[in-house]
Amino acid sequence: LTDRPLLQAFRIADGEDLRRAEGSSADLILLDAGAGDGAV
């Protein structure tokens, strides 16, 4: 539907989360704590 860039965010708790992020076909990836509470 669009040719604009896509950024996919992943909540990172362990290595499995990183493996999922590695496999994303998105133009960019964002690695996040995910809770929105200011924690790293």
Full PDB file with SEQRES, HELIX, SHEET, SSBOND, CRYST1, ORIGX, SCALE, CONECT and MASTER records, all heavy atoms in Angstrom:
SEQRES   1 A   40  LEU THR ASP ARG PRO LEU LEU GLN ALA PHE ARG ILE ALA          
SEQRES   2 A   40  ASP GLY GLU ASP LEU ARG ARG ALA GLU GLY SER SER ALA          
SEQRES   3 A   40  ASP LEU ILE LEU LEU ASP ALA GLY ALA GLY ASP GLY ALA          
SEQRES   4 A   40  VAL                                                          
HELIX    1 AA1 GLY A   15  GLU A   22  1                                   8    
SHEET    1 AA1 2 LEU A   7  ARG A  11  0                                        
SHEET    2 AA1 2 LEU A  28  ASP A  32  1                                        
CRYST1    1.000    1.000    1.000  90.00  90.00  90.00 P 1           1          
ORIGX1      1.000000  0.000000  0.000000        0.00000                         
ORIGX2      0.000000  1.000000  0.000000        0.00000                         
ORIGX3      0.000000  0.000000  1.000000        0.00000                         
SCALE1      1.000000  0.000000  0.000000        0.00000                         
SCALE2      0.000000  1.000000  0.000000        0.00000                         
SCALE3      0.000000  0.000000  1.000000        0.00000                         
ATOM      1  N   LEU A   1       0.805  -1.222   0.000  1.00  0.00           N  
ATOM      2  CA  LEU A   1       0.000   0.000   0.000  1.00  0.00           C  
ATOM      3  C   LEU A   1       0.840   1.274   0.000  1.00  0.00           C  
ATOM      4  O   LEU A   1       0.325   2.358  -0.278  1.00  0.00           O  
ATOM      5  CB  LEU A   1      -0.916   0.016   1.228  1.00  0.00           C  
ATOM      6  CG  LEU A   1      -1.916  -1.138   1.346  1.00  0.00           C  
ATOM      7  CD1 LEU A   1      -2.576  -1.129   2.717  1.00  0.00           C  
ATOM      8  CD2 LEU A   1      -2.973  -1.036   0.245  1.00  0.00           C  
ATOM      9  N   THR A   2       2.119   1.161   0.336  1.00  0.00           N  
ATOM     10  CA  THR A   2       2.975   2.344   0.425  1.00  0.00           C  
ATOM     11  C   THR A   2       4.420   1.943   0.192  1.00  0.00           C  
ATOM     12  O   THR A   2       4.799   0.792   0.429  1.00  0.00           O  
ATOM     13  CB  THR A   2       2.847   3.011   1.815  1.00  0.00           C  
ATOM     14  OG1 THR A   2       3.601   4.209   1.843  1.00  0.00           O  
ATOM     15  CG2 THR A   2       3.319   2.090   2.922  1.00  0.00           C  
ATOM     16  N   ASP A   3       5.207   2.909  -0.260  1.00  0.00           N  
ATOM     17  CA  ASP A   3       6.640   2.652  -0.428  1.00  0.00           C  
ATOM     18  C   ASP A   3       7.466   3.380   0.632  1.00  0.00           C  
ATOM     19  O   ASP A   3       8.686   3.471   0.531  1.00  0.00           O  
ATOM     20  CB  ASP A   3       7.106   3.064  -1.829  1.00  0.00           C  
ATOM     21  CG  ASP A   3       6.890   4.554  -2.104  1.00  0.00           C  
ATOM     22  OD1 ASP A   3       6.334   5.253  -1.235  1.00  0.00           O  
ATOM     23  OD2 ASP A   3       7.271   5.005  -3.198  1.00  0.00           O  
ATOM     24  N   ARG A   4       6.787   3.889   1.673  1.00  0.00           N  
ATOM     25  CA  ARG A   4       7.497   4.625   2.719  1.00  0.00           C  
ATOM     26  C   ARG A   4       8.191   3.664   3.690  1.00  0.00           C  
ATOM     27  O   ARG A   4       7.773   2.519   3.847  1.00  0.00           O  
ATOM     28  CB  ARG A   4       6.525   5.518   3.487  1.00  0.00           C  
ATOM     29  CG  ARG A   4       5.835   6.580   2.622  1.00  0.00           C  
ATOM     30  CD  ARG A   4       6.833   7.542   2.006  1.00  0.00           C  
ATOM     31  NE  ARG A   4       6.183   8.572   1.229  1.00  0.00           N  
ATOM     32  CZ  ARG A   4       5.806   9.748   1.715  1.00  0.00           C  
ATOM     33  NH1 ARG A   4       5.999  10.028   2.985  1.00  0.00           N  
ATOM     34  NH2 ARG A   4       5.218  10.636   0.931  1.00  0.00           N  
ATOM     35  N   PRO A   5       9.235   4.118   4.381  1.00  0.00           N  
ATOM     36  CA  PRO A   5       9.992   3.234   5.275  1.00  0.00           C  
ATOM     37  C   PRO A   5       9.171   2.785   6.490  1.00  0.00           C  
ATOM     38  O   PRO A   5       8.341   3.528   7.019  1.00  0.00           O  
ATOM     39  CB  PRO A   5      11.185   4.092   5.709  1.00  0.00           C  
ATOM     40  CG  PRO A   5      11.254   5.197   4.710  1.00  0.00           C  
ATOM     41  CD  PRO A   5       9.858   5.449   4.256  1.00  0.00           C  
ATOM     42  N   LEU A   6       9.463   1.568   6.936  1.00  0.00           N  
ATOM     43  CA  LEU A   6       8.808   0.996   8.101  1.00  0.00           C  
ATOM     44  C   LEU A   6       9.848   0.686   9.169  1.00  0.00           C  
ATOM     45  O   LEU A   6      10.926   0.165   8.889  1.00  0.00           O  
ATOM     46  CB  LEU A   6       8.071  -0.296   7.731  1.00  0.00           C  
ATOM     47  CG  LEU A   6       7.032  -0.190   6.610  1.00  0.00           C  
ATOM     48  CD1 LEU A   6       6.362  -1.535   6.396  1.00  0.00           C  
ATOM     49  CD2 LEU A   6       6.000   0.891   6.914  1.00  0.00           C  
ATOM     50  N   LEU A   7       9.499   1.034  10.397  1.00  0.00           N  
ATOM     51  CA  LEU A   7      10.355   0.818  11.559  1.00  0.00           C  
ATOM     52  C   LEU A   7       9.613  -0.135  12.481  1.00  0.00           C  
ATOM     53  O   LEU A   7       8.478   0.155  12.879  1.00  0.00           O  
ATOM     54  CB  LEU A   7      10.616   2.163  12.236  1.00  0.00           C  
ATOM     55  CG  LEU A   7      11.711   2.332  13.269  1.00  0.00           C  
ATOM     56  CD1 LEU A   7      11.892   3.821  13.573  1.00  0.00           C  
ATOM     57  CD2 LEU A   7      11.431   1.580  14.551  1.00  0.00           C  
ATOM     58  N   GLN A   8      10.211  -1.263  12.809  1.00  0.00           N  
ATOM     59  CA  GLN A   8       9.546  -2.234  13.674  1.00  0.00           C  
ATOM     60  C   GLN A   8      10.206  -2.250  15.038  1.00  0.00           C  
ATOM     61  O   GLN A   8      11.430  -2.334  15.151  1.00  0.00           O  
ATOM     62  CB  GLN A   8       9.578  -3.632  13.061  1.00  0.00           C  
ATOM     63  CG  GLN A   8       8.703  -4.631  13.822  1.00  0.00           C  
ATOM     64  CD  GLN A   8       8.482  -5.924  13.067  1.00  0.00           C  
ATOM     65  OE1 GLN A   8       9.233  -6.256  12.159  1.00  0.00           O  
ATOM     66  NE2 GLN A   8       7.451  -6.658  13.439  1.00  0.00           N  
ATOM     67  N   ALA A   9       9.383  -2.145  16.079  1.00  0.00           N  
ATOM     68  CA  ALA A   9       9.884  -2.110  17.449  1.00  0.00           C  
ATOM     69  C   ALA A   9       9.773  -3.489  18.088  1.00  0.00           C  
ATOM     70  O   ALA A   9       8.810  -4.231  17.847  1.00  0.00           O  
ATOM     71  CB  ALA A   9       9.086  -1.099  18.271  1.00  0.00           C  
ATOM     72  N   PHE A  10      10.753  -3.819  18.909  1.00  0.00           N  
ATOM     73  CA  PHE A  10      10.778  -5.088  19.621  1.00  0.00           C  
ATOM     74  C   PHE A  10      11.074  -4.841  21.090  1.00  0.00           C  
ATOM     75  O   PHE A  10      11.984  -4.083  21.424  1.00  0.00           O  
ATOM     76  CB  PHE A  10      11.856  -6.017  19.047  1.00  0.00           C  
ATOM     77  CG  PHE A  10      11.570  -6.489  17.658  1.00  0.00           C  
ATOM     78  CD1 PHE A  10      11.976  -5.728  16.564  1.00  0.00           C  
ATOM     79  CD2 PHE A  10      10.877  -7.670  17.436  1.00  0.00           C  
ATOM     80  CE1 PHE A  10      11.704  -6.144  15.267  1.00  0.00           C  
ATOM     81  CE2 PHE A  10      10.603  -8.096  16.146  1.00  0.00           C  
ATOM     82  CZ  PHE A  10      11.012  -7.337  15.064  1.00  0.00           C  
ATOM     83  N   ARG A  11      10.307  -5.496  21.946  1.00  0.00           N  
ATOM     84  CA  ARG A  11      10.575  -5.441  23.384  1.00  0.00           C  
ATOM     85  C   ARG A  11      11.638  -6.490  23.692  1.00  0.00           C  
ATOM     86  O   ARG A  11      11.472  -7.672  23.394  1.00  0.00           O  
ATOM     87  CB  ARG A  11       9.305  -5.718  24.171  1.00  0.00           C  
ATOM     88  CG  ARG A  11       8.237  -4.666  23.936  1.00  0.00           C  
ATOM     89  CD  ARG A  11       6.957  -4.978  24.675  1.00  0.00           C  
ATOM     90  NE  ARG A  11       5.948  -3.963  24.425  1.00  0.00           N  
ATOM     91  CZ  ARG A  11       4.711  -3.991  24.924  1.00  0.00           C  
ATOM     92  NH1 ARG A  11       4.349  -5.003  25.710  1.00  0.00           N  
ATOM     93  NH2 ARG A  11       3.864  -3.036  24.659  1.00  0.00           N  
ATOM     94  N   ILE A  12      12.717  -6.069  24.310  1.00  0.00           N  
ATOM     95  CA  ILE A  12      13.857  -6.940  24.507  1.00  0.00           C  
ATOM     96  C   ILE A  12      13.958  -7.354  25.978  1.00  0.00           C  
ATOM     97  O   ILE A  12      14.143  -6.520  26.868  1.00  0.00           O  
ATOM     98  CB  ILE A  12      15.166  -6.248  24.077  1.00  0.00           C  
ATOM     99  CG1 ILE A  12      15.058  -5.788  22.620  1.00  0.00           C  
ATOM    100  CG2 ILE A  12      16.347  -7.180  24.280  1.00  0.00           C  
ATOM    101  CD1 ILE A  12      14.785  -6.876  21.614  1.00  0.00           C  
ATOM    102  N   ALA A  13      13.823  -8.667  26.208  1.00  0.00           N  
ATOM    103  CA  ALA A  13      14.022  -9.220  27.545  1.00  0.00           C  
ATOM    104  C   ALA A  13      15.120 -10.276  27.560  1.00  0.00           C  
ATOM    105  O   ALA A  13      15.742 -10.510  28.591  1.00  0.00           O  
ATOM    106  CB  ALA A  13      12.728  -9.826  28.077  1.00  0.00           C  
ATOM    107  N   ASP A  14      15.346 -10.900  26.391  1.00  0.00           N  
ATOM    108  CA  ASP A  14      16.357 -11.961  26.341  1.00  0.00           C  
ATOM    109  C   ASP A  14      16.841 -12.127  24.907  1.00  0.00           C  
ATOM    110  O   ASP A  14      16.429 -11.411  23.990  1.00  0.00           O  
ATOM    111  CB  ASP A  14      15.782 -13.276  26.875  1.00  0.00           C  
ATOM    112  CG  ASP A  14      14.482 -13.673  26.185  1.00  0.00           C  
ATOM    113  OD1 ASP A  14      14.321 -13.380  24.965  1.00  0.00           O  
ATOM    114  OD2 ASP A  14      13.624 -14.271  26.847  1.00  0.00           O  
ATOM    115  N   GLY A  15      17.727 -13.094  24.715  1.00  0.00           N  
ATOM    116  CA  GLY A  15      18.305 -13.321  23.406  1.00  0.00           C  
ATOM    117  C   GLY A  15      17.298 -13.733  22.355  1.00  0.00           C  
ATOM    118  O   GLY A  15      17.476 -13.424  21.167  1.00  0.00           O  
ATOM    119  N   GLU A  16      16.241 -14.408  22.758  1.00  0.00           N  
ATOM    120  CA  GLU A  16      15.220 -14.812  21.786  1.00  0.00           C  
ATOM    121  C   GLU A  16      14.546 -13.590  21.173  1.00  0.00           C  
ATOM    122  O   GLU A  16      14.239 -13.576  19.979  1.00  0.00           O  
ATOM    123  CB  GLU A  16      14.183 -15.706  22.465  1.00  0.00           C  
ATOM    124  CG  GLU A  16      13.076 -16.194  21.545  1.00  0.00           C  
ATOM    125  CD  GLU A  16      13.593 -16.970  20.346  1.00  0.00           C  
ATOM    126  OE1 GLU A  16      14.601 -17.685  20.477  1.00  0.00           O  
ATOM    127  OE2 GLU A  16      12.979 -16.849  19.266  1.00  0.00           O  
ATOM    128  N   ASP A  17      14.313 -12.570  21.970  1.00  0.00           N  
ATOM    129  CA  ASP A  17      13.734 -11.332  21.442  1.00  0.00           C  
ATOM    130  C   ASP A  17      14.662 -10.708  20.402  1.00  0.00           C  
ATOM    131  O   ASP A  17      14.209 -10.196  19.380  1.00  0.00           O  
ATOM    132  CB  ASP A  17      13.480 -10.337  22.577  1.00  0.00           C  
ATOM    133  CG  ASP A  17      12.425 -10.822  23.552  1.00  0.00           C  
ATOM    134  OD1 ASP A  17      11.494 -11.532  23.120  1.00  0.00           O  
ATOM    135  OD2 ASP A  17      12.551 -10.502  24.748  1.00  0.00           O  
ATOM    136  N   LEU A  18      15.964 -10.756  20.660  1.00  0.00           N  
ATOM    137  CA  LEU A  18      16.920 -10.212  19.702  1.00  0.00           C  
ATOM    138  C   LEU A  18      16.937 -11.015  18.408  1.00  0.00           C  
ATOM    139  O   LEU A  18      17.077 -10.453  17.319  1.00  0.00           O  
ATOM    140  CB  LEU A  18      18.318 -10.183  20.313  1.00  0.00           C  
ATOM    141  CG  LEU A  18      18.596  -9.061  21.311  1.00  0.00           C  
ATOM    142  CD1 LEU A  18      19.987  -9.227  21.903  1.00  0.00           C  
ATOM    143  CD2 LEU A  18      18.449  -7.693  20.674  1.00  0.00           C  
ATOM    144  N   ARG A  19      16.775 -12.329  18.522  1.00  0.00           N  
ATOM    145  CA  ARG A  19      16.733 -13.151  17.299  1.00  0.00           C  
ATOM    146  C   ARG A  19      15.520 -12.805  16.452  1.00  0.00           C  
ATOM    147  O   ARG A  19      15.596 -12.781  15.214  1.00  0.00           O  
ATOM    148  CB  ARG A  19      16.749 -14.639  17.673  1.00  0.00           C  
ATOM    149  CG  ARG A  19      18.134 -15.129  18.086  1.00  0.00           C  
ATOM    150  CD  ARG A  19      18.169 -16.629  18.278  1.00  0.00           C  
ATOM    151  NE  ARG A  19      17.544 -17.026  19.529  1.00  0.00           N  
ATOM    152  CZ  ARG A  19      18.164 -17.038  20.704  1.00  0.00           C  
ATOM    153  NH1 ARG A  19      19.431 -16.660  20.783  1.00  0.00           N  
ATOM    154  NH2 ARG A  19      17.547 -17.419  21.799  1.00  0.00           N  
ATOM    155  N   ARG A  20      14.406 -12.535  17.096  1.00  0.00           N  
ATOM    156  CA  ARG A  20      13.222 -12.116  16.338  1.00  0.00           C  
ATOM    157  C   ARG A  20      13.476 -10.782  15.651  1.00  0.00           C  
ATOM    158  O   ARG A  20      13.105 -10.586  14.488  1.00  0.00           O  
ATOM    159  CB  ARG A  20      11.998 -11.993  17.264  1.00  0.00           C  
ATOM    160  CG  ARG A  20      11.454 -13.314  17.747  1.00  0.00           C  
ATOM    161  CD  ARG A  20      10.096 -13.157  18.422  1.00  0.00           C  
ATOM    162  NE  ARG A  20      10.100 -12.197  19.490  1.00  0.00           N  
ATOM    163  CZ  ARG A  20       9.546 -10.985  19.441  1.00  0.00           C  
ATOM    164  NH1 ARG A  20       8.935 -10.575  18.340  1.00  0.00           N  
ATOM    165  NH2 ARG A  20       9.600 -10.174  20.491  1.00  0.00           N  
ATOM    166  N   ALA A  21      14.106  -9.861  16.355  1.00  0.00           N  
ATOM    167  CA  ALA A  21      14.401  -8.557  15.768  1.00  0.00           C  
ATOM    168  C   ALA A  21      15.355  -8.695  14.590  1.00  0.00           C  
ATOM    169  O   ALA A  21      15.198  -8.019  13.559  1.00  0.00           O  
ATOM    170  CB  ALA A  21      14.994  -7.634  16.834  1.00  0.00           C  
ATOM    171  N   GLU A  22      16.328  -9.563  14.722  1.00  0.00           N  
ATOM    172  CA  GLU A  22      17.306  -9.772  13.654  1.00  0.00           C  
ATOM    173  C   GLU A  22      16.625 -10.234  12.368  1.00  0.00           C  
ATOM    174  O   GLU A  22      17.042  -9.894  11.264  1.00  0.00           O  
ATOM    175  CB  GLU A  22      18.345 -10.809  14.094  1.00  0.00           C  
ATOM    176  CG  GLU A  22      19.395 -11.129  13.064  1.00  0.00           C  
ATOM    177  CD  GLU A  22      20.345  -9.972  12.802  1.00  0.00           C  
ATOM    178  OE1 GLU A  22      20.636  -9.226  13.752  1.00  0.00           O  
ATOM    179  OE2 GLU A  22      20.785  -9.814  11.650  1.00  0.00           O  
ATOM    180  N   GLY A  23      15.550 -11.001  12.504  1.00  0.00           N  
ATOM    181  CA  GLY A  23      14.877 -11.553  11.337  1.00  0.00           C  
ATOM    182  C   GLY A  23      13.869 -10.630  10.691  1.00  0.00           C  
ATOM    183  O   GLY A  23      13.286 -10.980   9.651  1.00  0.00           O  
ATOM    184  N   SER A  24      13.640  -9.453  11.251  1.00  0.00           N  
ATOM    185  CA  SER A  24      12.644  -8.537  10.694  1.00  0.00           C  
ATOM    186  C   SER A  24      13.097  -7.984   9.344  1.00  0.00           C  
ATOM    187  O   SER A  24      14.260  -7.621   9.167  1.00  0.00           O  
ATOM    188  CB  SER A  24      12.400  -7.370  11.654  1.00  0.00           C  
ATOM    189  OG  SER A  24      11.589  -6.377  11.053  1.00  0.00           O  
ATOM    190  N   SER A  25      12.162  -7.888   8.412  1.00  0.00           N  
ATOM    191  CA  SER A  25      12.463  -7.306   7.100  1.00  0.00           C  
ATOM    192  C   SER A  25      12.209  -5.805   7.065  1.00  0.00           C  
ATOM    193  O   SER A  25      12.344  -5.172   6.014  1.00  0.00           O  
ATOM    194  CB  SER A  25      11.619  -7.985   6.016  1.00  0.00           C  
ATOM    195  OG  SER A  25      10.234  -7.751   6.246  1.00  0.00           O  
ATOM    196  N   ALA A  26      11.853  -5.204   8.205  1.00  0.00           N  
ATOM    197  CA  ALA A  26      11.606  -3.766   8.262  1.00  0.00           C  
ATOM    198  C   ALA A  26      12.865  -2.985   7.906  1.00  0.00           C  
ATOM    199  O   ALA A  26      13.983  -3.467   8.068  1.00  0.00           O  
ATOM    200  CB  ALA A  26      11.122  -3.359   9.651  1.00  0.00           C  
ATOM    201  N   ASP A  27      12.685  -1.773   7.416  1.00  0.00           N  
ATOM    202  CA  ASP A  27      13.815  -0.928   7.049  1.00  0.00           C  
ATOM    203  C   ASP A  27      14.695  -0.603   8.247  1.00  0.00           C  
ATOM    204  O   ASP A  27      15.923  -0.526   8.137  1.00  0.00           O  
ATOM    205  CB  ASP A  27      13.310   0.379   6.427  1.00  0.00           C  
ATOM    206  CG  ASP A  27      12.505   0.132   5.165  1.00  0.00           C  
ATOM    207  OD1 ASP A  27      13.102  -0.148   4.121  1.00  0.00           O  
ATOM    208  OD2 ASP A  27      11.261   0.192   5.250  1.00  0.00           O  
ATOM    209  N   LEU A  28      14.055  -0.376   9.384  1.00  0.00           N  
ATOM    210  CA  LEU A  28      14.768  -0.078  10.631  1.00  0.00           C  
ATOM    211  C   LEU A  28      14.142  -0.889  11.750  1.00  0.00           C  
ATOM    212  O   LEU A  28      12.955  -1.241  11.680  1.00  0.00           O  
ATOM    213  CB  LEU A  28      14.659   1.410  10.977  1.00  0.00           C  
ATOM    214  CG  LEU A  28      15.436   2.412  10.132  1.00  0.00           C  
ATOM    215  CD1 LEU A  28      14.966   3.829  10.458  1.00  0.00           C  
ATOM    216  CD2 LEU A  28      16.933   2.285  10.405  1.00  0.00           C  
ATOM    217  N   ILE A  29      14.922  -1.154  12.785  1.00  0.00           N  
ATOM    218  CA  ILE A  29      14.358  -1.789  13.972  1.00  0.00           C  
ATOM    219  C   ILE A  29      14.669  -0.926  15.186  1.00  0.00           C  
ATOM    220  O   ILE A  29      15.665  -0.200  15.220  1.00  0.00           O  
ATOM    221  CB  ILE A  29      14.876  -3.221  14.186  1.00  0.00           C  
ATOM    222  CG1 ILE A  29      16.395  -3.253  14.291  1.00  0.00           C  
ATOM    223  CG2 ILE A  29      14.378  -4.151  13.091  1.00  0.00           C  
ATOM    224  CD1 ILE A  29      16.931  -4.597  14.728  1.00  0.00           C  
ATOM    225  N   LEU A  30      13.774  -1.020  16.167  1.00  0.00           N  
ATOM    226  CA  LEU A  30      13.921  -0.285  17.418  1.00  0.00           C  
ATOM    227  C   LEU A  30      13.882  -1.306  18.543  1.00  0.00           C  
ATOM    228  O   LEU A  30      13.002  -2.169  18.583  1.00  0.00           O  
ATOM    229  CB  LEU A  30      12.808   0.745  17.559  1.00  0.00           C  
ATOM    230  CG  LEU A  30      12.807   1.616  18.815  1.00  0.00           C  
ATOM    231  CD1 LEU A  30      12.330   3.039  18.485  1.00  0.00           C  
ATOM    232  CD2 LEU A  30      11.897   1.016  19.900  1.00  0.00           C  
ATOM    233  N   LEU A  31      14.845  -1.227  19.442  1.00  0.00           N  
ATOM    234  CA  LEU A  31      14.934  -2.153  20.567  1.00  0.00           C  
ATOM    235  C   LEU A  31      14.555  -1.409  21.834  1.00  0.00           C  
ATOM    236  O   LEU A  31      15.167  -0.403  22.180  1.00  0.00           O  
ATOM    237  CB  LEU A  31      16.358  -2.716  20.675  1.00  0.00           C  
ATOM    238  CG  LEU A  31      16.915  -3.353  19.391  1.00  0.00           C  
ATOM    239  CD1 LEU A  31      18.328  -3.874  19.624  1.00  0.00           C  
ATOM    240  CD2 LEU A  31      16.002  -4.445  18.862  1.00  0.00           C  
ATOM    241  N   ASP A  32      13.542  -1.921  22.540  1.00  0.00           N  
ATOM    242  CA  ASP A  32      12.904  -1.169  23.613  1.00  0.00           C  
ATOM    243  C   ASP A  32      12.728  -2.053  24.836  1.00  0.00           C  
ATOM    244  O   ASP A  32      12.602  -3.278  24.730  1.00  0.00           O  
ATOM    245  CB  ASP A  32      11.532  -0.685  23.120  1.00  0.00           C  
ATOM    246  CG  ASP A  32      10.920   0.383  24.000  1.00  0.00           C  
ATOM    247  OD1 ASP A  32      11.538   0.791  24.993  1.00  0.00           O  
ATOM    248  OD2 ASP A  32       9.800   0.820  23.675  1.00  0.00           O  
ATOM    249  N   ALA A  33      12.693  -1.404  26.012  1.00  0.00           N  
ATOM    250  CA  ALA A  33      12.335  -2.127  27.228  1.00  0.00           C  
ATOM    251  C   ALA A  33      10.861  -2.498  27.204  1.00  0.00           C  
ATOM    252  O   ALA A  33      10.451  -3.504  27.777  1.00  0.00           O  
ATOM    253  CB  ALA A  33      12.652  -1.282  28.456  1.00  0.00           C  
ATOM    254  N   GLY A  34      10.056  -1.668  26.572  1.00  0.00           N  
ATOM    255  CA  GLY A  34       8.680  -2.042  26.271  1.00  0.00           C  
ATOM    256  C   GLY A  34       7.626  -1.660  27.271  1.00  0.00           C  
ATOM    257  O   GLY A  34       6.455  -1.632  26.944  1.00  0.00           O  
ATOM    258  N   ALA A  35       7.997  -1.356  28.500  1.00  0.00           N  
ATOM    259  CA  ALA A  35       6.970  -1.109  29.505  1.00  0.00           C  
ATOM    260  C   ALA A  35       6.497   0.334  29.534  1.00  0.00           C  
ATOM    261  O   ALA A  35       5.460   0.639  30.103  1.00  0.00           O  
ATOM    262  CB  ALA A  35       7.496  -1.494  30.886  1.00  0.00           C  
ATOM    263  N   GLY A  36       7.261   1.243  28.939  1.00  0.00           N  
ATOM    264  CA  GLY A  36       6.866   2.643  28.956  1.00  0.00           C  
ATOM    265  C   GLY A  36       6.982   3.300  30.310  1.00  0.00           C  
ATOM    266  O   GLY A  36       6.374   4.337  30.569  1.00  0.00           O  
ATOM    267  N   ASP A  37       7.779   2.695  31.194  1.00  0.00           N  
ATOM    268  CA  ASP A  37       7.884   3.215  32.555  1.00  0.00           C  
ATOM    269  C   ASP A  37       9.239   3.846  32.849  1.00  0.00           C  
ATOM    270  O   ASP A  37       9.591   4.090  34.008  1.00  0.00           O  
ATOM    271  CB  ASP A  37       7.623   2.094  33.567  1.00  0.00           C  
ATOM    272  CG  ASP A  37       8.577   0.920  33.406  1.00  0.00           C  
ATOM    273  OD1 ASP A  37       9.467   1.000  32.538  1.00  0.00           O  
ATOM    274  OD2 ASP A  37       8.419  -0.068  34.140  1.00  0.00           O  
ATOM    275  N   GLY A  38      10.011   4.101  31.802  1.00  0.00           N  
ATOM    276  CA  GLY A  38      11.299   4.733  31.995  1.00  0.00           C  
ATOM    277  C   GLY A  38      12.408   3.784  32.387  1.00  0.00           C  
ATOM    278  O   GLY A  38      13.505   4.234  32.732  1.00  0.00           O  
ATOM    279  N   ALA A  39      12.155   2.466  32.330  1.00  0.00           N  
ATOM    280  CA  ALA A  39      13.181   1.497  32.689  1.00  0.00           C  
ATOM    281  C   ALA A  39      13.994   1.092  31.468  1.00  0.00           C  
ATOM    282  O   ALA A  39      13.486   1.113  30.344  1.00  0.00           O  
ATOM    283  CB  ALA A  39      12.536   0.262  33.312  1.00  0.00           C  
ATOM    284  N   VAL A  40      15.241   0.724  31.689  1.00  0.00           N  
ATOM    285  CA  VAL A  40      16.092   0.228  30.609  1.00  0.00           C  
ATOM    286  C   VAL A  40      16.098  -1.292  30.643  1.00  0.00           C  
ATOM    287  O   VAL A  40      15.835  -1.901  31.678  1.00  0.00           O  
ATOM    288  CB  VAL A  40      17.537   0.765  30.717  1.00  0.00           C  
ATOM    289  CG1 VAL A  40      17.560   2.279  30.671  1.00  0.00           C  
ATOM    290  CG2 VAL A  40      18.202   0.262  31.993  1.00  0.00           C  
TER     291      VAL A  40                                                      
MASTER        0    0    0    1    2    0    0    6  290    1    0    4          
END                                                                             
